[in-house]
Protein backbone atom coordinates (compact mmCIF):
# COMPACT_ATOMS: atom_id res chain seq x y z
CA UNK A 1 160.07 67.18 21.22
CA UNK A 2 162.49 64.36 21.81
CA UNK A 3 162.87 65.69 25.38
CA UNK A 4 159.20 65.00 25.75
CA UNK A 5 159.02 61.53 24.04
CA UNK A 6 161.77 60.54 26.61
CA UNK A 7 159.93 61.68 29.43
CA UNK A 8 156.81 59.93 28.63
CA UNK A 9 158.46 56.47 28.07
CA UNK A 10 159.84 56.90 31.20
CA UNK A 11 156.77 57.99 32.67
CA UNK A 12 155.20 54.95 30.76
CA UNK A 13 158.11 52.51 32.15
CA UNK A 14 157.73 53.96 35.84
CA UNK A 15 153.74 53.07 35.71
CA UNK A 16 154.27 49.51 34.58
CA UNK A 17 156.71 48.90 37.15
CA UNK A 18 154.62 50.38 39.77
CA UNK A 19 151.75 48.18 38.36
CA UNK A 20 153.86 45.08 38.44
CA UNK A 21 154.63 45.91 41.89
CA UNK A 22 151.33 46.33 43.21
CA UNK A 23 150.33 42.87 41.47
CA UNK A 24 152.86 40.85 42.87
CA UNK A 25 152.10 42.46 46.60
CA UNK A 26 148.02 41.91 45.83
CA UNK A 27 148.73 38.48 44.04
CA UNK A 28 151.25 36.83 46.39
CA UNK A 29 148.69 36.64 49.71
CA UNK A 30 145.96 35.50 47.24
CA UNK A 31 147.66 32.65 46.37
CA UNK A 32 149.02 31.38 49.71
CA UNK A 33 148.01 28.25 51.20
CA UNK A 34 145.10 30.00 53.97
CA UNK A 35 143.24 31.23 50.64
CA UNK A 36 142.84 27.78 49.44
CA UNK A 37 142.37 26.16 52.40
CA UNK A 38 139.47 28.73 52.90
CA UNK A 39 138.14 27.61 49.55
CA UNK A 40 138.58 31.06 47.56
CA UNK A 41 140.40 29.18 44.51
CA UNK A 42 142.77 26.43 43.23
CA UNK A 43 145.56 27.10 40.94
CA UNK A 44 146.49 23.28 40.56
CA UNK A 45 146.13 19.80 42.35
CA UNK A 46 149.52 20.42 44.01
CA UNK A 47 149.87 24.01 45.30
CA UNK A 48 153.28 25.68 44.64
CA UNK A 49 154.95 26.79 48.18
CA UNK A 50 154.64 30.84 48.55
CA UNK A 51 157.93 31.34 47.85
CA UNK A 52 158.29 29.62 44.22
CA UNK A 53 154.61 31.37 43.39
CA UNK A 54 156.19 34.64 44.18
CA UNK A 55 159.39 33.98 42.28
CA UNK A 56 157.27 33.23 39.08
CA UNK A 57 155.01 36.35 39.26
CA UNK A 58 157.93 38.35 39.43
CA UNK A 59 159.87 36.57 36.58
CA UNK A 60 156.21 36.66 34.61
CA UNK A 61 156.30 40.36 35.62
CA UNK A 62 159.60 41.31 34.21
CA UNK A 63 159.21 39.17 30.88
CA UNK A 64 156.22 41.38 30.58
CA UNK A 65 157.77 44.58 31.36
CA UNK A 66 160.65 43.65 28.64
CA UNK A 67 158.17 42.56 26.01
CA UNK A 68 156.40 46.16 26.38
CA UNK A 69 159.53 47.85 26.38
CA UNK A 70 160.53 46.52 23.39
CA UNK A 71 157.24 47.25 21.73
CA UNK A 72 157.96 50.77 22.77
CA UNK A 73 161.21 50.71 21.18
CA UNK A 74 159.81 49.02 17.78
CA UNK A 75 157.22 51.72 17.86
CA UNK A 76 159.77 54.82 18.67
CA UNK A 77 162.57 53.28 16.66
CA UNK A 78 164.30 53.71 19.74
CA UNK A 79 167.15 50.47 19.85
CA UNK A 80 167.88 51.13 23.30
CA UNK A 81 164.55 50.32 24.14
CA UNK A 82 164.20 47.17 22.15
CA UNK A 83 167.63 46.14 23.44
CA UNK A 84 166.38 46.67 27.12
CA UNK A 85 163.42 45.05 26.50
CA UNK A 86 165.18 42.03 25.09
CA UNK A 87 167.42 42.03 27.99
CA UNK A 88 164.62 42.25 30.63
CA UNK A 89 163.03 39.00 28.46
CA UNK A 90 166.24 37.16 28.91
CA UNK A 91 166.40 38.09 32.94
CA UNK A 92 163.22 36.34 33.34
CA UNK A 93 163.97 33.26 31.30
CA UNK A 94 166.75 33.07 34.01
CA UNK A 95 164.88 33.80 36.84
CA UNK A 96 162.13 31.36 35.26
CA UNK A 97 164.95 28.51 35.12
CA UNK A 98 165.89 29.17 38.65
CA UNK A 99 162.61 28.70 39.87
CA UNK A 100 162.56 25.18 37.81
CA UNK A 101 165.71 24.31 39.69
CA UNK A 102 164.69 25.09 43.13
CA UNK A 103 161.24 23.15 42.08
CA UNK A 104 163.53 20.10 41.37
CA UNK A 105 165.38 20.36 44.28
CA UNK A 106 162.57 20.59 46.78
CA UNK A 107 163.45 24.00 47.64
CA UNK A 108 160.40 25.74 46.54
């Protein structure tokens, strides 16, 4: 039974990783300047450079992945999943801080 639960957790984590990867691939071109110039949609008055937007999407995906893994750990009682989820959330905060520094430095 424990082996099956571990397999299901790994399967869920893999599916989430795949979903976030696809989200990044789909969302990044949609957030580019040509899509905004075509009048598709606008996120803000001053659009972010494509690299900064992709970095933020990846950081947010990592944060969501960490929160999901931590929640799975809370439900199953697995301390390893809880700690790994928290570690991914910290990694996401660091990635967002790096993007903040890039934005302030104009490196976008």
